[in-house]
Amino acid sequence: MKIQDNHVVGFHYTLKDKDGNVIDSSDGREPLEYLHGAGNIIPGLESELVGLAVGDKKSVVVAPELGYGVKRDDLVISVPRKNIEFEGDIVPGMRFHAQAADGNVHAFTVVESDAENVKMDGNHPLAGVTLFFDVEIASVREATKREIAEGHPHMPGCSCGCHGGDGEGECCGGDCGCDGDCGCGCGD
């Protein structure tokens, strides 16, 4: 079976920067699964996987415009310290959610901070970066009607997308053993 829209795809990957430094990898983990055509992964990678089958390997270069976007100056903001509801020191690298000038809520990373202001960057950490992926397709299957309707894959046996649960449309409420860390929303 070849990858096309409305197929659930599992793949292993190694992501590197232009200098060959590993940014992320599925090494030692389960393959990353996504619903092809639903926008679950960056468009520049998704488009390059069309037509591949289990066992296929491919190297893909993704330009920023088809990855995490180009850096936007309007997403670097300075906020008065008094407007941030956080007790304690605010240090570079901390992340907050805030509304940007475009009206959307973004995750912001603290760039610098003093007693008066906090400078934050709402760009994705990989914005403006050309990405180099090595991928290997581990699984391809047709998506269920529910997966297509919800726009993401589910793991077998759980209605909420994680392992375990009752599979009957009820969220497992964290009883599946995921401790809320699997991304399904259980335990939230």
N, C-alpha and C. Protein backbone atom coordinates (compact mmCIF):
# COMPACT_ATOMS: atom_id res chain seq x y z
N MET A 1 0.85 -1.17 0.00
CA MET A 1 0.00 0.00 0.00
C MET A 1 0.90 1.24 0.00
N LYS A 2 0.54 2.19 -0.82
CA LYS A 2 1.33 3.43 -0.95
C LYS A 2 0.64 4.59 -0.24
N ILE A 3 1.45 5.49 0.25
CA ILE A 3 0.94 6.64 1.00
C ILE A 3 0.12 7.56 0.08
N GLN A 4 -1.07 7.88 0.56
CA GLN A 4 -1.94 8.84 -0.10
C GLN A 4 -2.87 9.44 0.95
N ASP A 5 -3.68 10.41 0.57
CA ASP A 5 -4.61 11.02 1.51
C ASP A 5 -5.47 9.97 2.18
N ASN A 6 -5.82 10.23 3.44
CA ASN A 6 -6.67 9.36 4.26
C ASN A 6 -6.04 8.00 4.56
N HIS A 7 -4.72 8.00 4.63
CA HIS A 7 -3.98 6.83 5.11
C HIS A 7 -3.24 7.23 6.38
N VAL A 8 -3.20 6.31 7.34
CA VAL A 8 -2.41 6.52 8.55
C VAL A 8 -1.02 5.97 8.26
N VAL A 9 -0.03 6.83 8.47
CA VAL A 9 1.35 6.49 8.15
C VAL A 9 2.18 6.54 9.42
N GLY A 10 3.01 5.52 9.59
CA GLY A 10 3.98 5.52 10.68
C GLY A 10 5.36 5.57 10.06
N PHE A 11 6.23 6.46 10.57
CA PHE A 11 7.57 6.53 10.01
C PHE A 11 8.59 6.88 11.08
N HIS A 12 9.79 6.37 10.87
CA HIS A 12 10.93 6.75 11.70
C HIS A 12 11.62 7.89 10.99
N TYR A 13 12.25 8.77 11.77
CA TYR A 13 12.89 9.93 11.17
C TYR A 13 14.09 10.37 11.99
N THR A 14 14.99 11.04 11.30
CA THR A 14 16.05 11.81 11.93
C THR A 14 16.01 13.17 11.27
N LEU A 15 15.94 14.21 12.09
CA LEU A 15 15.89 15.58 11.61
C LEU A 15 17.21 16.25 11.95
N LYS A 16 17.85 16.84 10.94
CA LYS A 16 19.15 17.52 11.13
C LYS A 16 19.07 18.94 10.60
N ASP A 17 20.00 19.77 11.09
CA ASP A 17 20.14 21.11 10.55
C ASP A 17 21.15 21.09 9.40
N LYS A 18 21.45 22.25 8.82
CA LYS A 18 22.34 22.32 7.65
C LYS A 18 23.76 21.86 7.96
N ASP A 19 24.14 21.88 9.23
CA ASP A 19 25.48 21.44 9.62
C ASP A 19 25.54 19.96 9.99
N GLY A 20 24.40 19.27 9.88
CA GLY A 20 24.37 17.85 10.19
C GLY A 20 24.11 17.53 11.65
N ASN A 21 23.82 18.55 12.46
CA ASN A 21 23.51 18.33 13.87
C ASN A 21 22.10 17.77 14.00
N VAL A 22 21.93 16.71 14.79
CA VAL A 22 20.61 16.10 14.99
C VAL A 22 19.77 17.01 15.87
N ILE A 23 18.60 17.39 15.36
CA ILE A 23 17.65 18.22 16.09
C ILE A 23 16.65 17.34 16.82
N ASP A 24 16.22 16.27 16.15
CA ASP A 24 15.23 15.35 16.72
C ASP A 24 15.32 14.04 15.99
N SER A 25 14.87 12.97 16.65
CA SER A 25 14.90 11.65 16.03
C SER A 25 13.90 10.74 16.73
N SER A 26 13.40 9.78 16.00
CA SER A 26 12.52 8.78 16.59
C SER A 26 13.32 7.56 17.04
N ASP A 27 14.63 7.63 16.95
CA ASP A 27 15.49 6.51 17.35
C ASP A 27 15.17 6.08 18.78
N GLY A 28 14.91 4.80 18.95
CA GLY A 28 14.58 4.27 20.26
C GLY A 28 13.14 4.47 20.68
N ARG A 29 12.33 5.03 19.81
CA ARG A 29 10.91 5.26 20.10
C ARG A 29 10.05 4.59 19.03
N GLU A 30 8.76 4.59 19.27
CA GLU A 30 7.81 4.11 18.28
C GLU A 30 7.82 5.06 17.09
N PRO A 31 7.45 4.58 15.90
CA PRO A 31 7.36 5.48 14.74
C PRO A 31 6.35 6.59 15.00
N LEU A 32 6.59 7.75 14.41
CA LEU A 32 5.64 8.85 14.46
C LEU A 32 4.49 8.50 13.53
N GLU A 33 3.25 8.60 14.01
CA GLU A 33 2.09 8.33 13.18
C GLU A 33 1.34 9.62 12.88
N TYR A 34 0.82 9.73 11.68
CA TYR A 34 0.02 10.88 11.28
C TYR A 34 -1.00 10.44 10.24
N LEU A 35 -2.03 11.26 10.06
CA LEU A 35 -3.05 11.03 9.04
C LEU A 35 -2.67 11.85 7.82
N HIS A 36 -2.32 11.17 6.74
CA HIS A 36 -1.85 11.87 5.55
C HIS A 36 -2.98 12.70 4.94
N GLY A 37 -2.65 13.96 4.65
CA GLY A 37 -3.60 14.88 4.04
C GLY A 37 -4.36 15.72 5.05
N ALA A 38 -4.12 15.49 6.34
CA ALA A 38 -4.86 16.23 7.37
C ALA A 38 -4.03 17.35 7.99
N GLY A 39 -2.84 17.57 7.48
CA GLY A 39 -2.01 18.65 8.02
C GLY A 39 -1.40 18.34 9.37
N ASN A 40 -1.23 17.07 9.69
CA ASN A 40 -0.65 16.69 10.98
C ASN A 40 0.85 16.92 11.07
N ILE A 41 1.53 16.95 9.93
CA ILE A 41 2.97 17.20 9.91
C ILE A 41 3.23 18.36 8.94
N ILE A 42 4.45 18.89 8.97
CA ILE A 42 4.75 20.05 8.12
C ILE A 42 4.55 19.69 6.64
N PRO A 43 4.01 20.64 5.87
CA PRO A 43 3.65 20.36 4.47
C PRO A 43 4.81 19.93 3.59
N GLY A 44 5.99 20.48 3.81
CA GLY A 44 7.14 20.13 2.98
C GLY A 44 7.58 18.69 3.14
N LEU A 45 7.35 18.11 4.30
CA LEU A 45 7.66 16.69 4.52
C LEU A 45 6.51 15.83 4.01
N GLU A 46 5.29 16.20 4.36
CA GLU A 46 4.13 15.41 3.96
C GLU A 46 4.07 15.21 2.44
N SER A 47 4.30 16.27 1.68
CA SER A 47 4.20 16.16 0.22
C SER A 47 5.25 15.22 -0.36
N GLU A 48 6.39 15.10 0.29
CA GLU A 48 7.46 14.24 -0.20
C GLU A 48 7.25 12.76 0.12
N LEU A 49 6.28 12.46 0.99
CA LEU A 49 6.04 11.07 1.37
C LEU A 49 4.99 10.39 0.50
N VAL A 50 4.27 11.16 -0.32
CA VAL A 50 3.24 10.59 -1.19
C VAL A 50 3.85 9.51 -2.08
N GLY A 51 3.19 8.36 -2.13
CA GLY A 51 3.62 7.28 -3.02
C GLY A 51 4.61 6.32 -2.41
N LEU A 52 5.15 6.64 -1.23
CA LEU A 52 6.09 5.71 -0.59
C LEU A 52 5.32 4.56 0.05
N ALA A 53 6.02 3.45 0.30
CA ALA A 53 5.42 2.26 0.90
C ALA A 53 6.30 1.79 2.06
N VAL A 54 5.79 0.85 2.83
CA VAL A 54 6.53 0.30 3.96
C VAL A 54 7.92 -0.15 3.52
N GLY A 55 8.92 0.26 4.28
CA GLY A 55 10.31 -0.08 3.98
C GLY A 55 11.04 0.95 3.15
N ASP A 56 10.30 1.84 2.48
CA ASP A 56 10.96 2.87 1.68
C ASP A 56 11.68 3.85 2.58
N LYS A 57 12.83 4.33 2.10
CA LYS A 57 13.61 5.35 2.79
C LYS A 57 13.78 6.53 1.87
N LYS A 58 13.83 7.72 2.47
CA LYS A 58 13.98 8.91 1.65
C LYS A 58 14.62 10.02 2.48
N SER A 59 15.46 10.79 1.82
CA SER A 59 16.01 12.01 2.40
C SER A 59 15.24 13.18 1.82
N VAL A 60 14.81 14.09 2.69
CA VAL A 60 13.96 15.21 2.28
C VAL A 60 14.54 16.50 2.84
N VAL A 61 14.64 17.52 1.98
CA VAL A 61 15.06 18.85 2.42
C VAL A 61 13.82 19.73 2.38
N VAL A 62 13.53 20.39 3.52
CA VAL A 62 12.34 21.22 3.62
C VAL A 62 12.75 22.67 3.87
N ALA A 63 12.37 23.55 2.95
CA ALA A 63 12.63 24.98 3.09
C ALA A 63 11.76 25.54 4.20
N PRO A 64 12.19 26.62 4.85
CA PRO A 64 11.40 27.21 5.94
C PRO A 64 9.95 27.49 5.58
N GLU A 65 9.70 27.94 4.35
CA GLU A 65 8.33 28.27 3.93
C GLU A 65 7.40 27.06 3.97
N LEU A 66 7.94 25.86 3.85
CA LEU A 66 7.14 24.63 3.88
C LEU A 66 7.38 23.84 5.16
N GLY A 67 8.12 24.45 6.09
CA GLY A 67 8.40 23.82 7.38
C GLY A 67 7.68 24.58 8.48
N TYR A 68 8.47 25.27 9.30
CA TYR A 68 7.90 26.02 10.42
C TYR A 68 7.81 27.50 10.13
N GLY A 69 7.92 27.86 8.87
CA GLY A 69 7.74 29.24 8.45
C GLY A 69 9.02 30.06 8.53
N VAL A 70 8.94 31.24 7.95
CA VAL A 70 10.06 32.18 8.02
C VAL A 70 9.92 32.96 9.33
N LYS A 71 11.02 33.49 9.81
CA LYS A 71 10.97 34.30 11.03
C LYS A 71 10.16 35.56 10.78
N ARG A 72 9.27 35.87 11.70
CA ARG A 72 8.43 37.06 11.60
C ARG A 72 8.82 38.03 12.71
N ASP A 73 9.22 39.23 12.31
CA ASP A 73 9.60 40.26 13.27
C ASP A 73 8.44 40.67 14.17
N ASP A 74 7.21 40.60 13.64
CA ASP A 74 6.05 41.02 14.44
C ASP A 74 5.74 40.06 15.58
N LEU A 75 6.40 38.91 15.61
CA LEU A 75 6.20 37.96 16.71
C LEU A 75 7.26 38.09 17.80
N VAL A 76 8.15 39.06 17.66
CA VAL A 76 9.09 39.38 18.73
C VAL A 76 8.53 40.61 19.42
N ILE A 77 8.14 40.44 20.69
CA ILE A 77 7.43 41.50 21.39
C ILE A 77 8.11 41.81 22.73
N SER A 78 7.84 42.99 23.22
CA SER A 78 8.29 43.38 24.55
C SER A 78 7.04 43.64 25.37
N VAL A 79 6.96 43.02 26.55
CA VAL A 79 5.79 43.10 27.39
C VAL A 79 6.20 43.67 28.75
N PRO A 80 5.45 44.62 29.27
CA PRO A 80 5.76 45.09 30.62
C PRO A 80 5.70 43.92 31.61
N ARG A 81 6.70 43.80 32.45
CA ARG A 81 6.80 42.70 33.42
C ARG A 81 5.53 42.61 34.27
N LYS A 82 4.95 43.76 34.62
CA LYS A 82 3.76 43.78 35.47
C LYS A 82 2.55 43.13 34.79
N ASN A 83 2.57 42.99 33.46
CA ASN A 83 1.45 42.37 32.74
C ASN A 83 1.54 40.85 32.66
N ILE A 84 2.61 40.30 33.18
CA ILE A 84 2.79 38.84 33.14
C ILE A 84 2.45 38.26 34.50
N GLU A 85 1.45 37.39 34.50
CA GLU A 85 1.00 36.77 35.73
C GLU A 85 1.86 35.56 36.04
N PHE A 86 3.02 35.83 36.60
CA PHE A 86 3.93 34.75 36.97
C PHE A 86 4.74 35.21 38.17
N GLU A 87 4.73 34.42 39.21
CA GLU A 87 5.51 34.71 40.40
C GLU A 87 6.88 34.08 40.23
N GLY A 88 7.92 34.82 40.51
CA GLY A 88 9.26 34.28 40.41
C GLY A 88 10.04 34.91 39.29
N ASP A 89 11.26 34.44 39.14
CA ASP A 89 12.14 34.98 38.11
C ASP A 89 11.70 34.54 36.72
N ILE A 90 11.78 35.45 35.80
CA ILE A 90 11.52 35.14 34.38
C ILE A 90 12.88 35.18 33.70
N VAL A 91 13.27 34.02 33.16
CA VAL A 91 14.61 33.90 32.58
C VAL A 91 14.52 33.45 31.12
N PRO A 92 15.55 33.76 30.33
CA PRO A 92 15.56 33.34 28.93
C PRO A 92 15.35 31.82 28.81
N GLY A 93 14.54 31.47 27.81
CA GLY A 93 14.23 30.06 27.56
C GLY A 93 12.87 29.65 28.10
N MET A 94 12.34 30.39 29.08
CA MET A 94 11.00 30.08 29.59
C MET A 94 9.99 30.31 28.48
N ARG A 95 8.87 29.57 28.54
CA ARG A 95 7.83 29.71 27.51
C ARG A 95 6.51 30.11 28.15
N PHE A 96 5.83 31.03 27.48
CA PHE A 96 4.52 31.52 27.91
C PHE A 96 3.60 31.53 26.70
N HIS A 97 2.29 31.52 26.95
CA HIS A 97 1.30 31.72 25.89
C HIS A 97 0.76 33.12 26.03
N ALA A 98 0.66 33.82 24.91
CA ALA A 98 0.16 35.20 24.92
C ALA A 98 -0.45 35.52 23.57
N GLN A 99 -1.28 36.55 23.56
CA GLN A 99 -1.91 36.98 22.32
C GLN A 99 -0.98 37.95 21.60
N ALA A 100 -0.72 37.67 20.33
CA ALA A 100 0.17 38.51 19.52
C ALA A 100 -0.64 39.61 18.83
N ALA A 101 0.06 40.51 18.15
CA ALA A 101 -0.58 41.61 17.44
C ALA A 101 -1.55 41.12 16.38
N ASP A 102 -1.32 39.90 15.85
CA ASP A 102 -2.22 39.36 14.83
C ASP A 102 -3.51 38.80 15.42
N GLY A 103 -3.66 38.85 16.76
CA GLY A 103 -4.87 38.38 17.42
C GLY A 103 -4.84 36.92 17.80
N ASN A 104 -3.86 36.17 17.30
CA ASN A 104 -3.74 34.75 17.61
C ASN A 104 -2.92 34.53 18.87
N VAL A 105 -3.22 33.45 19.58
CA VAL A 105 -2.44 33.07 20.75
C VAL A 105 -1.25 32.27 20.26
N HIS A 106 -0.08 32.66 20.70
CA HIS A 106 1.17 32.00 20.32
C HIS A 106 1.92 31.57 21.58
N ALA A 107 2.76 30.57 21.42
CA ALA A 107 3.72 30.22 22.47
C ALA A 107 4.91 31.13 22.26
N PHE A 108 5.31 31.82 23.31
CA PHE A 108 6.44 32.74 23.25
C PHE A 108 7.57 32.22 24.11
N THR A 109 8.79 32.39 23.61
CA THR A 109 9.98 32.04 24.36
C THR A 109 10.63 33.33 24.85
N VAL A 110 10.96 33.38 26.14
CA VAL A 110 11.60 34.55 26.70
C VAL A 110 13.01 34.67 26.12
N VAL A 111 13.32 35.84 25.57
CA VAL A 111 14.63 36.13 25.01
C VAL A 111 15.50 36.85 26.04
N GLU A 112 14.91 37.85 26.67
CA GLU A 112 15.61 38.58 27.73
C GLU A 112 14.58 39.20 28.65
N SER A 113 15.01 39.51 29.88
CA SER A 113 14.09 40.04 30.87
C SER A 113 14.84 40.94 31.84
N ASP A 114 14.17 42.02 32.26
CA ASP A 114 14.69 42.86 33.33
C ASP A 114 13.52 43.19 34.25
N ALA A 115 13.71 44.08 35.20
CA ALA A 115 12.67 44.40 36.16
C ALA A 115 11.45 45.05 35.52
N GLU A 116 11.63 45.70 34.37
CA GLU A 116 10.55 46.44 33.73
C GLU A 116 9.86 45.69 32.58
N ASN A 117 10.65 45.02 31.73
CA ASN A 117 10.11 44.43 30.50
C ASN A 117 10.62 43.01 30.28
N VAL A 118 9.83 42.28 29.50
CA VAL A 118 10.20 40.93 29.09
C VAL A 118 10.12 40.87 27.57
N LYS A 119 11.22 40.58 26.92
CA LYS A 119 11.24 40.43 25.46
C LYS A 119 11.01 38.96 25.15
N MET A 120 10.01 38.69 24.29
CA MET A 120 9.64 37.31 23.96
C MET A 120 9.54 37.14 22.45
N ASP A 121 9.84 35.93 22.01
CA ASP A 121 9.80 35.57 20.59
C ASP A 121 8.72 34.52 20.37
N GLY A 122 7.73 34.85 19.54
CA GLY A 122 6.63 33.94 19.26
C GLY A 122 6.85 33.06 18.03
N ASN A 123 8.01 33.18 17.40
CA ASN A 123 8.32 32.30 16.28
C ASN A 123 8.59 30.89 16.79
N HIS A 124 8.25 29.90 15.98
CA HIS A 124 8.61 28.53 16.32
C HIS A 124 10.13 28.47 16.40
N PRO A 125 10.69 27.68 17.31
CA PRO A 125 12.15 27.59 17.41
C PRO A 125 12.84 27.20 16.09
N LEU A 126 12.11 26.52 15.20
CA LEU A 126 12.70 26.11 13.92
C LEU A 126 12.26 27.01 12.76
N ALA A 127 11.62 28.13 13.07
CA ALA A 127 11.25 29.08 12.01
C ALA A 127 12.53 29.61 11.36
N GLY A 128 12.51 29.68 10.04
CA GLY A 128 13.66 30.19 9.30
C GLY A 128 14.76 29.17 9.08
N VAL A 129 14.56 27.94 9.54
CA VAL A 129 15.58 26.90 9.44
C VAL A 129 15.23 25.93 8.32
N THR A 130 16.20 25.65 7.44
CA THR A 130 16.03 24.59 6.45
C THR A 130 16.22 23.27 7.17
N LEU A 131 15.29 22.34 6.96
CA LEU A 131 15.27 21.07 7.69
C LEU A 131 15.69 19.93 6.77
N PHE A 132 16.48 19.02 7.32
CA PHE A 132 16.97 17.85 6.57
C PHE A 132 16.48 16.60 7.28
N PHE A 133 15.55 15.89 6.63
CA PHE A 133 14.96 14.68 7.21
C PHE A 133 15.49 13.44 6.50
N ASP A 134 15.77 12.39 7.27
CA ASP A 134 15.95 11.04 6.75
C ASP A 134 14.80 10.24 7.33
N VAL A 135 13.97 9.67 6.45
CA VAL A 135 12.78 8.95 6.92
C VAL A 135 12.78 7.51 6.41
N GLU A 136 12.12 6.65 7.18
CA GLU A 136 11.86 5.28 6.76
C GLU A 136 10.42 4.96 7.12
N ILE A 137 9.66 4.53 6.13
CA ILE A 137 8.24 4.24 6.34
C ILE A 137 8.10 2.90 7.06
N ALA A 138 7.41 2.93 8.20
CA ALA A 138 7.23 1.72 9.02
C ALA A 138 5.86 1.09 8.84
N SER A 139 4.84 1.90 8.54
CA SER A 139 3.49 1.35 8.36
C SER A 139 2.64 2.29 7.51
N VAL A 140 1.72 1.70 6.78
CA VAL A 140 0.74 2.45 6.00
C VAL A 140 -0.55 1.64 6.04
N ARG A 141 -1.65 2.29 6.41
CA ARG A 141 -2.95 1.63 6.42
C ARG A 141 -4.03 2.65 6.10
N GLU A 142 -5.17 2.16 5.65
CA GLU A 142 -6.29 3.06 5.41
C GLU A 142 -6.80 3.57 6.75
N ALA A 143 -7.14 4.84 6.80
CA ALA A 143 -7.69 5.43 8.01
C ALA A 143 -9.14 5.00 8.19
N THR A 144 -9.58 4.96 9.45
CA THR A 144 -10.98 4.68 9.73
C THR A 144 -11.80 5.93 9.44
N LYS A 145 -13.10 5.76 9.34
CA LYS A 145 -13.99 6.91 9.13
C LYS A 145 -13.84 7.91 10.27
N ARG A 146 -13.70 7.41 11.47
CA ARG A 146 -13.56 8.29 12.62
C ARG A 146 -12.25 9.08 12.56
N GLU A 147 -11.17 8.41 12.19
CA GLU A 147 -9.89 9.11 12.08
C GLU A 147 -9.96 10.22 11.03
N ILE A 148 -10.61 9.93 9.92
CA ILE A 148 -10.76 10.93 8.86
C ILE A 148 -11.60 12.10 9.37
N ALA A 149 -12.70 11.80 10.05
CA ALA A 149 -13.58 12.85 10.56
C ALA A 149 -12.88 13.72 11.60
N GLU A 150 -12.06 13.10 12.45
CA GLU A 150 -11.39 13.84 13.52
C GLU A 150 -10.05 14.42 13.09
N GLY A 151 -9.53 13.95 11.94
CA GLY A 151 -8.31 14.52 11.40
C GLY A 151 -7.01 14.07 12.02
N HIS A 152 -7.04 12.92 12.71
CA HIS A 152 -5.81 12.39 13.29
C HIS A 152 -5.97 10.89 13.54
N PRO A 153 -4.85 10.17 13.63
CA PRO A 153 -4.94 8.72 13.85
C PRO A 153 -5.25 8.38 15.30
N HIS A 154 -5.79 7.18 15.50
CA HIS A 154 -6.03 6.63 16.82
C HIS A 154 -5.25 5.34 16.94
N MET A 155 -4.77 5.07 18.14
CA MET A 155 -4.12 3.79 18.36
C MET A 155 -5.21 2.78 18.69
N PRO A 156 -5.01 1.51 18.36
CA PRO A 156 -6.04 0.51 18.58
C PRO A 156 -6.45 0.41 20.04
N GLY A 157 -7.75 0.22 20.27
CA GLY A 157 -8.24 -0.09 21.60
C GLY A 157 -8.65 1.09 22.45
N CYS A 158 -8.46 2.32 21.98
CA CYS A 158 -8.83 3.45 22.81
C CYS A 158 -9.51 4.51 21.96
N SER A 159 -10.64 4.93 22.41
CA SER A 159 -11.38 5.94 21.66
C SER A 159 -10.71 7.30 21.69
N CYS A 160 -9.85 7.53 22.66
CA CYS A 160 -9.25 8.85 22.77
C CYS A 160 -7.91 8.93 22.07
N GLY A 161 -7.44 7.85 21.47
CA GLY A 161 -6.23 7.91 20.69
C GLY A 161 -5.01 7.32 21.36
N CYS A 162 -5.11 6.99 22.63
CA CYS A 162 -3.95 6.39 23.29
C CYS A 162 -4.20 4.90 23.48
N HIS A 163 -3.22 4.20 23.97
CA HIS A 163 -3.37 2.76 24.18
C HIS A 163 -4.24 2.50 25.41
N GLY A 164 -5.10 1.53 25.34
CA GLY A 164 -5.99 1.22 26.46
C GLY A 164 -7.35 1.84 26.24
N GLY A 165 -8.07 2.13 27.31
CA GLY A 165 -9.38 2.74 27.21
C GLY A 165 -10.44 1.73 26.80
N ASP A 166 -11.66 2.21 26.66
CA ASP A 166 -12.74 1.27 26.39
C ASP A 166 -13.07 1.13 24.91
N GLY A 167 -12.59 2.02 24.06
CA GLY A 167 -12.83 1.91 22.63
C GLY A 167 -14.26 2.13 22.21
N GLU A 168 -15.11 2.56 23.13
CA GLU A 168 -16.52 2.71 22.83
C GLU A 168 -16.95 4.17 22.75
N GLY A 169 -16.02 5.07 22.56
CA GLY A 169 -16.39 6.46 22.42
C GLY A 169 -16.25 7.26 23.69
N GLU A 170 -15.89 6.63 24.78
CA GLU A 170 -15.69 7.33 26.04
C GLU A 170 -14.21 7.53 26.27
N CYS A 171 -13.83 8.71 26.69
CA CYS A 171 -12.44 8.96 27.03
C CYS A 171 -12.09 8.10 28.23
N CYS A 172 -10.90 7.57 28.23
CA CYS A 172 -10.50 6.69 29.32
C CYS A 172 -10.26 7.45 30.61
N GLY A 173 -10.21 8.79 30.54
CA GLY A 173 -10.05 9.59 31.73
C GLY A 173 -8.72 9.38 32.43
N GLY A 174 -7.74 8.90 31.69
CA GLY A 174 -6.43 8.66 32.28
C GLY A 174 -6.25 7.25 32.77
N ASP A 175 -7.32 6.41 32.68
CA ASP A 175 -7.24 5.04 33.17
C ASP A 175 -6.45 4.11 32.26
N CYS A 176 -5.99 4.63 31.11
CA CYS A 176 -5.28 3.78 30.16
C CYS A 176 -3.80 3.67 30.50
N GLY A 177 -3.36 4.40 31.50
CA GLY A 177 -1.96 4.34 31.87
C GLY A 177 -1.10 5.37 31.18
N CYS A 178 -1.72 6.26 30.41
CA CYS A 178 -0.93 7.24 29.67
C CYS A 178 -0.48 8.41 30.53
N ASP A 179 -1.08 8.57 31.69
CA ASP A 179 -0.75 9.66 32.61
C ASP A 179 -0.85 11.02 31.93
N GLY A 180 -1.64 11.14 30.87
CA GLY A 180 -1.81 12.40 30.20
C GLY A 180 -0.65 12.81 29.33
N ASP A 181 0.37 11.93 29.17
CA ASP A 181 1.56 12.28 28.42
C ASP A 181 1.52 11.84 26.97
N CYS A 182 0.48 11.18 26.53
CA CYS A 182 0.47 10.66 25.16
C CYS A 182 -0.12 11.65 24.17
N GLY A 183 -0.63 12.78 24.65
CA GLY A 183 -1.17 13.78 23.75
C GLY A 183 -2.64 13.62 23.46
N CYS A 184 -3.29 12.63 24.08
CA CYS A 184 -4.69 12.39 23.77
C CYS A 184 -5.63 13.27 24.57
N GLY A 185 -5.11 13.92 25.59
CA GLY A 185 -5.95 14.77 26.40
C GLY A 185 -6.47 14.08 27.65
N CYS A 186 -6.25 12.78 27.79
CA CYS A 186 -6.66 12.08 29.00
C CYS A 186 -5.89 12.64 30.18
N GLY A 187 -6.53 12.75 31.27
CA GLY A 187 -5.87 13.22 32.46
C GLY A 187 -5.76 14.74 32.51
N ASP A 188 -6.22 15.43 31.44
CA ASP A 188 -6.18 16.90 31.44
C ASP A 188 -7.34 17.45 32.21
